[in-house]
N, C-alpha and C. Protein backbone atom coordinates (compact mmCIF):
# COMPACT_ATOMS: atom_id res chain seq x y z
N UNK A 1 7.14 17.95 -10.82
CA UNK A 1 7.15 16.57 -11.25
C UNK A 1 8.00 15.72 -10.31
N UNK A 2 9.21 16.17 -10.03
CA UNK A 2 10.08 15.41 -9.14
C UNK A 2 9.50 15.39 -7.72
N UNK A 3 8.90 16.51 -7.32
CA UNK A 3 8.26 16.56 -6.00
C UNK A 3 7.13 15.57 -5.89
N UNK A 4 6.34 15.41 -6.95
CA UNK A 4 5.24 14.45 -6.96
C UNK A 4 5.76 13.03 -6.83
N UNK A 5 6.81 12.72 -7.56
CA UNK A 5 7.40 11.39 -7.49
C UNK A 5 7.97 11.13 -6.10
N UNK A 6 8.65 12.13 -5.54
CA UNK A 6 9.23 11.98 -4.20
C UNK A 6 8.14 11.76 -3.16
N UNK A 7 7.05 12.55 -3.23
CA UNK A 7 5.95 12.36 -2.28
C UNK A 7 5.24 11.03 -2.48
N UNK A 8 5.17 10.53 -3.71
CA UNK A 8 4.57 9.22 -3.96
C UNK A 8 5.41 8.13 -3.30
N UNK A 9 6.72 8.26 -3.36
CA UNK A 9 7.60 7.27 -2.74
C UNK A 9 7.49 7.33 -1.22
N UNK A 10 7.55 8.54 -0.66
CA UNK A 10 7.47 8.70 0.80
C UNK A 10 6.09 8.27 1.31
N UNK A 11 5.04 8.79 0.67
CA UNK A 11 3.68 8.43 1.08
C UNK A 11 3.41 6.95 0.89
N UNK A 12 3.90 6.39 -0.22
CA UNK A 12 3.73 4.96 -0.46
C UNK A 12 4.44 4.10 0.57
N UNK A 13 5.62 4.53 0.97
CA UNK A 13 6.34 3.78 2.01
C UNK A 13 5.57 3.79 3.32
N UNK A 14 5.02 4.93 3.67
CA UNK A 14 4.25 5.04 4.91
C UNK A 14 2.98 4.20 4.83
N UNK A 15 2.26 4.31 3.72
CA UNK A 15 1.02 3.54 3.54
C UNK A 15 1.33 2.04 3.53
N UNK A 16 2.40 1.63 2.86
CA UNK A 16 2.78 0.22 2.83
C UNK A 16 3.14 -0.32 4.21
N UNK A 17 3.89 0.47 4.96
CA UNK A 17 4.25 0.03 6.31
C UNK A 17 3.02 -0.05 7.22
N UNK A 18 2.12 0.90 7.11
CA UNK A 18 0.88 0.84 7.89
C UNK A 18 0.05 -0.38 7.51
N UNK A 19 -0.03 -0.66 6.23
CA UNK A 19 -0.74 -1.85 5.78
C UNK A 19 -0.12 -3.12 6.31
N UNK A 20 1.20 -3.16 6.33
CA UNK A 20 1.90 -4.34 6.84
C UNK A 20 1.72 -4.48 8.35
N UNK A 21 1.71 -3.35 9.06
CA UNK A 21 1.50 -3.41 10.51
C UNK A 21 0.09 -3.86 10.87
N UNK A 22 -0.89 -3.47 10.07
CA UNK A 22 -2.27 -3.82 10.37
C UNK A 22 -2.62 -5.25 9.98
N UNK A 23 -1.85 -5.86 9.11
CA UNK A 23 -2.10 -7.23 8.69
C UNK A 23 -1.53 -8.18 9.74
N UNK A 24 -2.38 -9.03 10.33
CA UNK A 24 -1.87 -9.93 11.36
C UNK A 24 -0.97 -11.02 10.76
N UNK A 25 -0.07 -11.49 11.57
CA UNK A 25 0.83 -12.56 11.14
C UNK A 25 2.11 -12.02 10.53
N UNK A 26 2.93 -12.96 10.09
CA UNK A 26 4.23 -12.62 9.51
C UNK A 26 4.13 -12.63 7.99
N UNK A 27 4.70 -11.63 7.38
CA UNK A 27 4.73 -11.56 5.92
C UNK A 27 6.18 -11.72 5.46
N UNK A 28 6.39 -12.67 4.58
CA UNK A 28 7.74 -12.92 4.07
C UNK A 28 7.97 -12.12 2.78
N UNK A 29 7.93 -10.79 2.92
CA UNK A 29 8.21 -9.93 1.79
C UNK A 29 9.25 -8.90 2.22
N UNK A 30 9.98 -8.39 1.25
CA UNK A 30 11.05 -7.44 1.57
C UNK A 30 10.47 -6.04 1.79
N UNK A 31 11.32 -5.18 2.29
CA UNK A 31 10.92 -3.79 2.49
C UNK A 31 10.63 -3.14 1.15
N UNK A 32 11.37 -3.50 0.11
CA UNK A 32 11.16 -2.91 -1.21
C UNK A 32 9.81 -3.31 -1.78
N UNK A 33 9.40 -4.54 -1.55
CA UNK A 33 8.07 -4.97 -2.00
C UNK A 33 7.00 -4.21 -1.23
N UNK A 34 7.22 -4.02 0.07
CA UNK A 34 6.27 -3.27 0.89
C UNK A 34 6.14 -1.83 0.38
N UNK A 35 7.24 -1.21 0.03
CA UNK A 35 7.20 0.16 -0.49
C UNK A 35 6.49 0.19 -1.84
N UNK A 36 6.80 -0.75 -2.71
CA UNK A 36 6.14 -0.81 -4.01
C UNK A 36 4.64 -1.02 -3.89
N UNK A 37 4.26 -1.92 -2.99
CA UNK A 37 2.84 -2.17 -2.73
C UNK A 37 2.18 -0.92 -2.16
N UNK A 38 2.89 -0.23 -1.28
CA UNK A 38 2.36 1.00 -0.69
C UNK A 38 2.17 2.10 -1.72
N UNK A 39 3.11 2.23 -2.64
CA UNK A 39 2.98 3.23 -3.70
C UNK A 39 1.77 2.91 -4.58
N UNK A 40 1.62 1.64 -4.95
CA UNK A 40 0.47 1.24 -5.76
C UNK A 40 -0.84 1.50 -5.02
N UNK A 41 -0.88 1.17 -3.73
CA UNK A 41 -2.09 1.38 -2.94
C UNK A 41 -2.40 2.86 -2.78
N UNK A 42 -1.37 3.67 -2.58
CA UNK A 42 -1.58 5.11 -2.42
C UNK A 42 -2.11 5.73 -3.72
N UNK A 43 -1.53 5.35 -4.85
CA UNK A 43 -1.99 5.89 -6.12
C UNK A 43 -3.40 5.43 -6.46
N UNK A 44 -3.66 4.14 -6.34
CA UNK A 44 -4.99 3.61 -6.65
C UNK A 44 -6.03 4.12 -5.66
N UNK A 45 -5.66 4.20 -4.39
CA UNK A 45 -6.58 4.74 -3.39
C UNK A 45 -6.93 6.20 -3.65
N UNK A 46 -5.96 6.98 -4.11
CA UNK A 46 -6.22 8.37 -4.46
C UNK A 46 -7.17 8.49 -5.64
N UNK A 47 -6.99 7.62 -6.63
CA UNK A 47 -7.87 7.62 -7.79
C UNK A 47 -9.29 7.23 -7.38
N UNK A 48 -9.42 6.20 -6.56
CA UNK A 48 -10.75 5.76 -6.10
C UNK A 48 -11.41 6.86 -5.27
N UNK A 49 -10.66 7.50 -4.40
CA UNK A 49 -11.21 8.58 -3.57
C UNK A 49 -11.66 9.75 -4.44
N UNK A 50 -10.89 10.10 -5.46
CA UNK A 50 -11.30 11.16 -6.38
C UNK A 50 -12.57 10.76 -7.13
N UNK A 51 -12.64 9.51 -7.55
CA UNK A 51 -13.81 9.01 -8.26
C UNK A 51 -15.06 9.06 -7.37
N UNK A 52 -14.88 8.79 -6.07
CA UNK A 52 -16.00 8.86 -5.12
C UNK A 52 -16.32 10.29 -4.69
N UNK A 53 -15.45 11.23 -5.01
CA UNK A 53 -15.67 12.62 -4.66
C UNK A 53 -15.17 13.01 -3.29
N UNK A 54 -14.33 12.18 -2.68
CA UNK A 54 -13.80 12.48 -1.34
C UNK A 54 -12.28 12.60 -1.34
N UNK A 55 -11.71 12.78 -2.51
CA UNK A 55 -10.25 12.81 -2.63
C UNK A 55 -9.62 14.09 -2.14
N UNK A 56 -10.34 15.19 -2.22
CA UNK A 56 -9.77 16.47 -1.82
C UNK A 56 -10.81 17.24 -1.01
N UNK A 57 -10.60 17.27 0.28
CA UNK A 57 -11.51 17.96 1.18
C UNK A 57 -10.72 18.97 2.00
N UNK A 58 -11.43 19.79 2.76
CA UNK A 58 -10.73 20.71 3.66
C UNK A 58 -10.14 19.91 4.82
N UNK A 59 -8.93 20.22 5.16
CA UNK A 59 -8.28 19.52 6.27
C UNK A 59 -7.66 18.21 5.80
N UNK A 60 -7.68 17.24 6.68
CA UNK A 60 -7.08 15.94 6.39
C UNK A 60 -8.10 15.07 5.67
N UNK A 61 -7.67 14.41 4.62
CA UNK A 61 -8.56 13.56 3.82
C UNK A 61 -8.62 12.16 4.44
N UNK A 62 -9.37 12.02 5.51
CA UNK A 62 -9.41 10.77 6.26
C UNK A 62 -9.94 9.62 5.43
N UNK A 63 -10.97 9.87 4.65
CA UNK A 63 -11.56 8.79 3.85
C UNK A 63 -10.57 8.31 2.79
N UNK A 64 -9.88 9.24 2.15
CA UNK A 64 -8.88 8.86 1.15
C UNK A 64 -7.78 8.01 1.78
N UNK A 65 -7.31 8.44 2.95
CA UNK A 65 -6.25 7.69 3.62
C UNK A 65 -6.74 6.32 4.08
N UNK A 66 -7.97 6.22 4.52
CA UNK A 66 -8.53 4.92 4.92
C UNK A 66 -8.60 3.97 3.72
N UNK A 67 -9.00 4.49 2.58
CA UNK A 67 -9.05 3.68 1.35
C UNK A 67 -7.64 3.22 0.98
N UNK A 68 -6.68 4.11 1.06
CA UNK A 68 -5.30 3.77 0.71
C UNK A 68 -4.74 2.70 1.64
N UNK A 69 -4.99 2.83 2.92
CA UNK A 69 -4.47 1.85 3.89
C UNK A 69 -5.16 0.51 3.73
N UNK A 70 -6.48 0.52 3.48
CA UNK A 70 -7.20 -0.73 3.25
C UNK A 70 -6.64 -1.44 2.01
N UNK A 71 -6.38 -0.69 0.95
CA UNK A 71 -5.77 -1.29 -0.24
C UNK A 71 -4.37 -1.80 0.05
N UNK A 72 -3.62 -1.09 0.88
CA UNK A 72 -2.27 -1.54 1.24
C UNK A 72 -2.32 -2.87 1.99
N UNK A 73 -3.28 -3.01 2.90
CA UNK A 73 -3.43 -4.28 3.62
C UNK A 73 -3.72 -5.40 2.62
N UNK A 74 -4.64 -5.14 1.69
CA UNK A 74 -4.98 -6.15 0.68
C UNK A 74 -3.77 -6.48 -0.19
N UNK A 75 -3.05 -5.47 -0.65
CA UNK A 75 -1.91 -5.70 -1.53
C UNK A 75 -0.76 -6.39 -0.80
N UNK A 76 -0.53 -6.05 0.46
CA UNK A 76 0.51 -6.73 1.24
C UNK A 76 0.14 -8.20 1.42
N UNK A 77 -1.12 -8.46 1.70
CA UNK A 77 -1.59 -9.84 1.86
C UNK A 77 -1.38 -10.62 0.57
N UNK A 78 -1.76 -10.00 -0.57
CA UNK A 78 -1.58 -10.67 -1.86
C UNK A 78 -0.10 -10.91 -2.16
N UNK A 79 0.74 -9.91 -1.90
CA UNK A 79 2.18 -10.06 -2.15
C UNK A 79 2.77 -11.15 -1.26
N UNK A 80 2.35 -11.20 0.00
CA UNK A 80 2.86 -12.23 0.91
C UNK A 80 2.42 -13.62 0.46
N UNK A 81 1.20 -13.73 -0.04
CA UNK A 81 0.73 -15.03 -0.52
C UNK A 81 1.52 -15.48 -1.74
N UNK A 82 1.71 -14.58 -2.70
CA UNK A 82 2.43 -14.96 -3.92
C UNK A 82 3.91 -15.15 -3.67
N UNK A 83 4.52 -14.29 -2.86
CA UNK A 83 5.95 -14.42 -2.55
C UNK A 83 6.18 -15.64 -1.66
N UNK A 84 5.29 -15.87 -0.72
CA UNK A 84 5.42 -17.02 0.18
C UNK A 84 5.26 -18.33 -0.56
N UNK A 85 4.35 -18.36 -1.53
CA UNK A 85 4.14 -19.60 -2.27
C UNK A 85 5.35 -19.92 -3.14
N UNK A 86 6.02 -18.90 -3.68
CA UNK A 86 7.21 -19.15 -4.48
C UNK A 86 8.36 -19.63 -3.60
N UNK A 87 8.42 -19.12 -2.37
CA UNK A 87 9.46 -19.57 -1.44
C UNK A 87 9.22 -21.02 -1.04
N UNK A 88 7.95 -21.40 -0.85
CA UNK A 88 7.64 -22.78 -0.48
C UNK A 88 7.98 -23.74 -1.62
N UNK A 89 7.77 -23.29 -2.86
CA UNK A 89 8.08 -24.16 -4.00
C UNK A 89 9.58 -24.38 -4.13
N UNK A 90 10.39 -23.39 -3.77
CA UNK A 90 11.85 -23.52 -3.86
C UNK A 90 12.37 -24.55 -2.88
N UNK A 91 11.77 -24.61 -1.68
CA UNK A 91 12.27 -25.52 -0.67
C UNK A 91 11.70 -26.92 -0.80
N UNK A 92 10.62 -27.06 -1.53
CA UNK A 92 9.98 -28.38 -1.67
C UNK A 92 10.65 -29.24 -2.69
């Protein structure tokens, strides 16, 4: 159980950072938001990959990882939009 949680945090941080790197432009979100978004993307991407039947294959699960990273890009973009809009409202 603890190992699963630890791997979710580590894997989520990696997926979140990859999503942030692939998204063009500057994102005004913290590292903690990036990790949280990455964890959500990794978990949801794993569920979607399992649902599609490609979640567990021999070797590296490339399709599952592609789904997770695509979701991370989407979630980072959404977080940057919502966090950025709240920052703009504070200064206006």
